[in-house]
C-alpha atoms as a PDB file:
ATOM      1  CA  UNK A   1     -15.615 -22.158 -63.806  1.00  0.00           C
ATOM      2  CA  UNK A   2     -15.402 -24.403 -60.705  1.00  0.00           C
ATOM      3  CA  UNK A   3     -16.860 -27.676 -59.571  1.00  0.00           C
ATOM      4  CA  UNK A   4     -20.301 -28.113 -58.076  1.00  0.00           C
ATOM      5  CA  UNK A   5     -18.751 -28.242 -54.610  1.00  0.00           C
ATOM      6  CA  UNK A   6     -17.086 -24.832 -55.054  1.00  0.00           C
ATOM      7  CA  UNK A   7     -20.316 -23.282 -56.314  1.00  0.00           C
ATOM      8  CA  UNK A   8     -22.103 -24.723 -53.304  1.00  0.00           C
ATOM      9  CA  UNK A   9     -19.404 -23.167 -51.051  1.00  0.00           C
ATOM     10  CA  UNK A  10     -19.854 -19.748 -52.651  1.00  0.00           C
ATOM     11  CA  UNK A  11     -23.597 -19.775 -52.004  1.00  0.00           C
ATOM     12  CA  UNK A  12     -22.996 -19.801 -48.248  1.00  0.00           C
ATOM     13  CA  UNK A  13     -25.266 -22.828 -47.748  1.00  0.00           C
ATOM     14  CA  UNK A  14     -22.484 -25.164 -46.658  1.00  0.00           C
ATOM     15  CA  UNK A  15     -22.427 -26.761 -43.227  1.00  0.00           C
ATOM     16  CA  UNK A  16     -19.466 -26.618 -40.853  1.00  0.00           C
ATOM     17  CA  UNK A  17     -16.806 -29.249 -41.425  1.00  0.00           C
ATOM     18  CA  UNK A  18     -16.648 -31.798 -38.619  1.00  0.00           C
ATOM     19  CA  UNK A  19     -13.322 -33.583 -38.429  1.00  0.00           C
ATOM     20  CA  UNK A  20     -12.902 -37.052 -37.012  1.00  0.00           C
ATOM     21  CA  UNK A  21     -10.587 -37.530 -34.045  1.00  0.00           C
ATOM     22  CA  UNK A  22      -8.064 -39.156 -36.364  1.00  0.00           C
ATOM     23  CA  UNK A  23      -8.149 -36.208 -38.779  1.00  0.00           C
ATOM     24  CA  UNK A  24      -7.786 -33.700 -35.942  1.00  0.00           C
ATOM     25  CA  UNK A  25      -4.960 -35.669 -34.401  1.00  0.00           C
ATOM     26  CA  UNK A  26      -3.044 -35.896 -37.678  1.00  0.00           C
ATOM     27  CA  UNK A  27      -3.576 -32.184 -38.408  1.00  0.00           C
ATOM     28  CA  UNK A  28      -2.307 -31.307 -34.915  1.00  0.00           C
ATOM     29  CA  UNK A  29       0.741 -33.535 -35.364  1.00  0.00           C
ATOM     30  CA  UNK A  30       1.560 -31.927 -38.715  1.00  0.00           C
ATOM     31  CA  UNK A  31       1.046 -28.464 -37.198  1.00  0.00           C
ATOM     32  CA  UNK A  32       3.531 -29.285 -34.425  1.00  0.00           C
ATOM     33  CA  UNK A  33       6.068 -30.225 -37.094  1.00  0.00           C
ATOM     34  CA  UNK A  34       5.417 -27.130 -39.249  1.00  0.00           C
ATOM     35  CA  UNK A  35       2.893 -24.359 -38.684  1.00  0.00           C
ATOM     36  CA  UNK A  36       2.720 -23.698 -42.435  1.00  0.00           C
ATOM     37  CA  UNK A  37       2.478 -26.047 -45.395  1.00  0.00           C
ATOM     38  CA  UNK A  38       3.777 -25.688 -48.912  1.00  0.00           C
ATOM     39  CA  UNK A  39       1.353 -26.618 -51.726  1.00  0.00           C
ATOM     40  CA  UNK A  40       2.758 -30.151 -52.104  1.00  0.00           C
ATOM     41  CA  UNK A  41       2.444 -30.862 -48.370  1.00  0.00           C
ATOM     42  CA  UNK A  42      -1.070 -29.419 -48.334  1.00  0.00           C
ATOM     43  CA  UNK A  43      -2.104 -31.589 -51.292  1.00  0.00           C
ATOM     44  CA  UNK A  44      -0.617 -34.753 -49.764  1.00  0.00           C
ATOM     45  CA  UNK A  45      -2.194 -34.109 -46.357  1.00  0.00           C
ATOM     46  CA  UNK A  46      -5.585 -33.367 -47.924  1.00  0.00           C
ATOM     47  CA  UNK A  47      -5.426 -36.640 -49.857  1.00  0.00           C
ATOM     48  CA  UNK A  48      -4.360 -38.565 -46.738  1.00  0.00           C
ATOM     49  CA  UNK A  49      -7.245 -37.081 -44.712  1.00  0.00           C
ATOM     50  CA  UNK A  50      -9.801 -37.293 -47.518  1.00  0.00           C
ATOM     51  CA  UNK A  51     -10.292 -33.498 -47.399  1.00  0.00           C
ATOM     52  CA  UNK A  52      -9.992 -30.753 -49.975  1.00  0.00           C
ATOM     53  CA  UNK A  53      -6.677 -28.810 -49.959  1.00  0.00           C
ATOM     54  CA  UNK A  54      -8.637 -25.632 -49.174  1.00  0.00           C
ATOM     55  CA  UNK A  55     -10.041 -27.255 -46.016  1.00  0.00           C
ATOM     56  CA  UNK A  56      -6.531 -28.163 -44.871  1.00  0.00           C
ATOM     57  CA  UNK A  57      -5.340 -24.639 -45.682  1.00  0.00           C
ATOM     58  CA  UNK A  58      -8.173 -23.038 -43.696  1.00  0.00           C
ATOM     59  CA  UNK A  59      -7.602 -25.398 -40.756  1.00  0.00           C
ATOM     60  CA  UNK A  60      -3.918 -24.360 -40.629  1.00  0.00           C
ATOM     61  CA  UNK A  61      -4.840 -20.653 -40.883  1.00  0.00           C
ATOM     62  CA  UNK A  62      -7.324 -21.006 -38.036  1.00  0.00           C
ATOM     63  CA  UNK A  63      -4.859 -22.981 -35.937  1.00  0.00           C
ATOM     64  CA  UNK A  64      -2.173 -20.306 -36.410  1.00  0.00           C
ATOM     65  CA  UNK A  65      -4.709 -17.637 -35.421  1.00  0.00           C
ATOM     66  CA  UNK A  66      -5.691 -19.574 -32.267  1.00  0.00           C
ATOM     67  CA  UNK A  67      -2.022 -20.068 -31.369  1.00  0.00           C
ATOM     68  CA  UNK A  68      -1.306 -16.358 -31.800  1.00  0.00           C
ATOM     69  CA  UNK A  69      -4.374 -15.398 -29.749  1.00  0.00           C
ATOM     70  CA  UNK A  70      -3.406 -17.769 -26.924  1.00  0.00           C
ATOM     71  CA  UNK A  71       0.146 -16.401 -26.892  1.00  0.00           C
ATOM     72  CA  UNK A  72      -1.214 -12.841 -26.753  1.00  0.00           C
ATOM     73  CA  UNK A  73      -3.537 -13.744 -23.857  1.00  0.00           C
ATOM     74  CA  UNK A  74      -0.649 -15.309 -21.909  1.00  0.00           C
ATOM     75  CA  UNK A  75       1.539 -12.242 -22.521  1.00  0.00           C
ATOM     76  CA  UNK A  76      -1.300  -9.930 -21.472  1.00  0.00           C
ATOM     77  CA  UNK A  77      -1.768 -11.816 -18.198  1.00  0.00           C
ATOM     78  CA  UNK A  78       1.981 -11.693 -17.530  1.00  0.00           C
ATOM     79  CA  UNK A  79       2.049  -7.930 -18.181  1.00  0.00           C
ATOM     80  CA  UNK A  80      -0.995  -7.420 -15.925  1.00  0.00           C
ATOM     81  CA  UNK A  81       0.796  -9.193 -13.078  1.00  0.00           C
ATOM     82  CA  UNK A  82       3.944  -7.144 -13.689  1.00  0.00           C
ATOM     83  CA  UNK A  83       1.904  -3.949 -13.680  1.00  0.00           C
ATOM     84  CA  UNK A  84       0.200  -4.889 -10.403  1.00  0.00           C
ATOM     85  CA  UNK A  85       3.557  -5.713  -8.810  1.00  0.00           C
ATOM     86  CA  UNK A  86       5.100  -2.448  -9.987  1.00  0.00           C
ATOM     87  CA  UNK A  87       2.065  -0.464  -8.821  1.00  0.00           C
ATOM     88  CA  UNK A  88       2.322  -2.030  -5.351  1.00  0.00           C
ATOM     89  CA  UNK A  89       6.065  -1.353  -5.251  1.00  0.00           C
ATOM     90  CA  UNK A  90       5.476   2.260  -6.308  1.00  0.00           C
ATOM     91  CA  UNK A  91       2.933   2.748  -3.494  1.00  0.00           C
ATOM     92  CA  UNK A  92       5.330   1.181  -0.989  1.00  0.00           C
ATOM     93  CA  UNK A  93       8.225   3.387  -2.133  1.00  0.00           C
ATOM     94  CA  UNK A  94       6.058   6.522  -2.064  1.00  0.00           C
ATOM     95  CA  UNK A  95       4.994   5.725   1.502  1.00  0.00           C
ATOM     96  CA  UNK A  96       8.610   5.023   2.459  1.00  0.00           C
ATOM     97  CA  UNK A  97       9.668   8.343   0.924  1.00  0.00           C
ATOM     98  CA  UNK A  98       6.904  10.188   2.801  1.00  0.00           C
ATOM     99  CA  UNK A  99       7.972   8.564   6.066  1.00  0.00           C
ATOM    100  CA  UNK A 100      11.614   9.462   5.446  1.00  0.00           C
ATOM    101  CA  UNK A 101      10.718  13.048   4.571  1.00  0.00           C
ATOM    102  CA  UNK A 102       8.667  13.351   7.783  1.00  0.00           C
ATOM    103  CA  UNK A 103      11.447  11.932   9.948  1.00  0.00           C
ATOM    104  CA  UNK A 104      14.141  14.128   8.375  1.00  0.00           C
ATOM    105  CA  UNK A 105      12.228  17.427   8.292  1.00  0.00           C
ATOM    106  CA  UNK A 106      13.916  18.768  11.410  1.00  0.00           C
ATOM    107  CA  UNK A 107      17.295  17.136  10.898  1.00  0.00           C
ATOM    108  CA  UNK A 108      20.305  18.503   8.978  1.00  0.00           C
ATOM    109  CA  UNK A 109      19.829  19.895   5.488  1.00  0.00           C
ATOM    110  CA  UNK A 110      20.027  17.392   2.663  1.00  0.00           C
ATOM    111  CA  UNK A 111      22.924  19.080   0.884  1.00  0.00           C
ATOM    112  CA  UNK A 112      25.939  19.551   3.105  1.00  0.00           C
ATOM    113  CA  UNK A 113      29.376  20.540   1.992  1.00  0.00           C
ATOM    114  CA  UNK A 114      31.916  17.940   3.049  1.00  0.00           C
ATOM    115  CA  UNK A 115      35.154  19.449   4.342  1.00  0.00           C
ATOM    116  CA  UNK A 116      38.204  18.865   2.161  1.00  0.00           C
ATOM    117  CA  UNK A 117      41.887  19.412   2.864  1.00  0.00           C
ATOM    118  CA  UNK A 118      43.997  21.338   0.410  1.00  0.00           C
ATOM    119  CA  UNK A 119      46.975  19.048  -0.336  1.00  0.00           C
ATOM    120  CA  UNK A 120      49.417  21.941  -0.755  1.00  0.00           C
ATOM    121  CA  UNK A 121      48.657  24.057   2.350  1.00  0.00           C
ATOM    122  CA  UNK A 122      46.777  21.512   4.535  1.00  0.00           C
ATOM    123  CA  UNK A 123      43.929  23.977   5.153  1.00  0.00           C
ATOM    124  CA  UNK A 124      40.372  22.689   5.441  1.00  0.00           C
ATOM    125  CA  UNK A 125      38.103  23.953   2.723  1.00  0.00           C
ATOM    126  CA  UNK A 126      34.317  23.790   3.114  1.00  0.00           C
ATOM    127  CA  UNK A 127      32.401  22.508   6.106  1.00  0.00           C
ATOM    128  CA  UNK A 128      31.654  24.524   9.242  1.00  0.00           C
ATOM    129  CA  UNK A 129      35.102  25.897  10.006  1.00  0.00           C
ATOM    130  CA  UNK A 130      36.878  26.942   6.837  1.00  0.00           C
ATOM    131  CA  UNK A 131      40.611  27.344   7.227  1.00  0.00           C
ATOM    132  CA  UNK A 132      41.036  25.399  10.474  1.00  0.00           C
ATOM    133  CA  UNK A 133      43.365  22.399  10.539  1.00  0.00           C
ATOM    134  CA  UNK A 134      41.739  19.000  10.967  1.00  0.00           C
ATOM    135  CA  UNK A 135      42.486  16.645  13.824  1.00  0.00           C
ATOM    136  CA  UNK A 136      44.894  13.842  12.845  1.00  0.00           C
ATOM    137  CA  UNK A 137      42.137  11.208  13.134  1.00  0.00           C
ATOM    138  CA  UNK A 138      39.833  13.063  10.702  1.00  0.00           C
ATOM    139  CA  UNK A 139      39.886  11.535   7.209  1.00  0.00           C
ATOM    140  CA  UNK A 140      41.420  13.874   4.663  1.00  0.00           C
ATOM    141  CA  UNK A 141      39.509  14.304   1.414  1.00  0.00           C
ATOM    142  CA  UNK A 142      40.604  16.213  -1.605  1.00  0.00           C
ATOM    143  CA  UNK A 143      37.905  18.031  -3.528  1.00  0.00           C
ATOM    144  CA  UNK A 144      39.407  19.107  -6.879  1.00  0.00           C
ATOM    145  CA  UNK A 145      36.636  21.656  -7.389  1.00  0.00           C
ATOM    146  CA  UNK A 146      37.339  23.502  -4.133  1.00  0.00           C
ATOM    147  CA  UNK A 147      41.141  23.796  -4.378  1.00  0.00           C
ATOM    148  CA  UNK A 148      42.555  26.478  -2.118  1.00  0.00           C
ATOM    149  CA  UNK A 149      45.122  28.753  -3.760  1.00  0.00           C
ATOM    150  CA  UNK A 150      48.018  29.206  -1.310  1.00  0.00           C
END
């Protein structure tokens, strides 16, 4: 089946691999170049580091997992800050809306009809005085939905 080393691995009695600083440094450098290795690269790196190819493979898997976890943590923190900012802005806007509603309770209704002048007969349509001519200084608007039939 396998070598004595593999059988020893399967028994669960193996101790954790401790890499030298040089091994760690070279693995990190290779990871920066490529986060995955093809079988030839893995074999060559294992030989260079005096490790088994499986150890190199596991190191790269673990390193990718740590990288992904770190990226997720950074994104989570960014989203938390965004959420806090949006929550504060929502509270501020709700308070502003409440204040505006309080200050405008007794003022004019929200929906007012703006007077418009019929282009054919020059009569004012809508507003307070329907049918009265506008002063010359008053801006003349045309509302196509309120056209007066002359």
